[in-house]
Protein backbone atom coordinates (compact mmCIF):
# COMPACT_ATOMS: atom_id res chain seq x y z
CA TYR A 1 -9.75 -14.47 0.93
CA THR A 2 -10.36 -12.14 3.56
CA PRO A 3 -10.30 -14.78 6.46
CA GLU A 4 -6.99 -16.39 4.63
CA VAL A 5 -5.40 -12.90 4.79
CA LEU A 6 -6.38 -11.79 7.99
CA ASP A 7 -5.01 -15.48 9.38
CA ALA A 8 -2.01 -14.83 7.28
CA LEU A 9 -0.88 -11.30 9.09
CA ASN A 10 -1.76 -13.03 12.55
CA TYR A 11 0.36 -16.06 11.95
CA PHE A 12 3.29 -13.86 10.58
CA GLY A 13 3.05 -11.26 13.54
CA ALA A 14 1.88 -8.63 11.45
CA LYS A 15 -0.77 -7.46 14.05
CA GLU A 16 -0.84 -3.89 13.26
CA HIS A 17 -1.54 -4.61 9.36
CA ALA A 18 -4.39 -7.25 10.47
CA LYS A 19 -6.00 -4.49 12.79
CA LEU A 20 -5.94 -1.99 9.39
CA PHE A 21 -7.21 -4.57 7.33
CA GLU A 22 -9.89 -5.70 9.44
CA GLN A 23 -11.41 -1.82 9.76
CA MET A 24 -10.86 -2.02 5.61
CA VAL A 25 -13.07 -4.82 5.38
CA GLU A 26 -15.40 -3.53 7.75
CA ILE A 27 -15.92 -0.53 4.97
CA LEU A 28 -15.28 -2.56 1.70
CA ALA A 29 -17.26 -6.16 2.98
CA PRO A 30 -19.22 -5.85 6.02
CA ASP A 31 -21.19 -9.06 5.16
CA GLY A 32 -17.96 -10.82 4.14
CA SER A 33 -15.44 -11.27 1.05
CA ILE A 34 -17.18 -10.40 -2.20
CA VAL A 35 -15.99 -12.79 -5.09
CA ASP A 36 -17.71 -10.84 -7.85
CA GLN A 37 -15.50 -7.94 -9.06
CA LYS A 38 -18.52 -6.01 -10.08
CA LYS A 39 -20.01 -6.15 -6.84
CA ARG A 40 -16.63 -4.55 -5.26
CA GLU A 41 -16.39 -2.18 -7.88
CA LYS A 42 -19.91 -0.88 -7.17
CA ILE A 43 -19.29 -0.90 -3.18
CA VAL A 44 -16.45 1.31 -4.18
CA SER A 45 -17.77 3.63 -6.08
CA ASN A 46 -20.80 3.98 -3.94
CA LEU A 47 -18.73 4.78 -0.76
CA SER A 48 -19.98 7.48 1.31
CA GLU A 49 -17.83 10.23 1.86
CA SER A 50 -16.96 9.45 5.50
CA ASN A 51 -16.06 5.80 4.64
CA SER A 52 -14.16 7.33 1.43
CA THR A 53 -11.98 9.60 3.77
CA LYS A 54 -11.58 6.67 6.54
CA LEU A 55 -10.32 3.96 3.96
CA ASP A 56 -8.06 6.57 2.47
CA GLN A 57 -6.77 7.12 6.15
CA LEU A 58 -6.52 3.12 6.75
CA THR A 59 -4.41 3.26 3.31
CA ASP A 60 -1.97 5.65 4.44
CA ALA A 61 -1.87 4.15 7.86
CA TRP A 62 -1.06 0.88 6.10
CA TYR A 63 2.06 1.99 4.16
CA LYS A 64 3.46 3.99 6.94
CA LEU A 65 3.91 0.31 8.98
CA PRO A 66 6.99 -1.56 8.29
CA ASN A 67 6.72 -4.08 5.66
CA TRP A 68 9.45 -6.57 7.01
CA GLU A 69 6.71 -8.99 7.83
CA PHE A 70 5.77 -9.50 4.07
CA TYR A 71 9.17 -11.25 2.85
CA VAL A 72 8.37 -14.50 4.30
CA ASN A 73 8.10 -15.85 0.50
CA GLU A 74 11.57 -15.18 0.39
CA TRP A 75 12.48 -17.12 3.11
CA ASN A 76 14.22 -20.82 2.51
CA TRP A 77 11.64 -23.23 3.72
CA ASN A 78 13.40 -26.14 2.42
CA HIS A 79 15.26 -26.41 6.08
CA ILE A 80 11.93 -27.20 7.73
CA ASN A 81 11.38 -30.67 6.11
């Protein structure tokens, strides 16, 4: 669901989250989303030390960002109709 996640992050204004997510995707799935769980696990287990370090840094940066953008599921969408 990589394209959908990026679209949602950008749609809801989580631009910094989207930038970090794109960088994570470049490491974990440079050829596009991978549906097969085993393939994803293999990619993660075979990460170079450099990419593993970069992924850790990106993850740390992600968790330092404000998380208010992700509360949209708690919004009362009924008033829009």
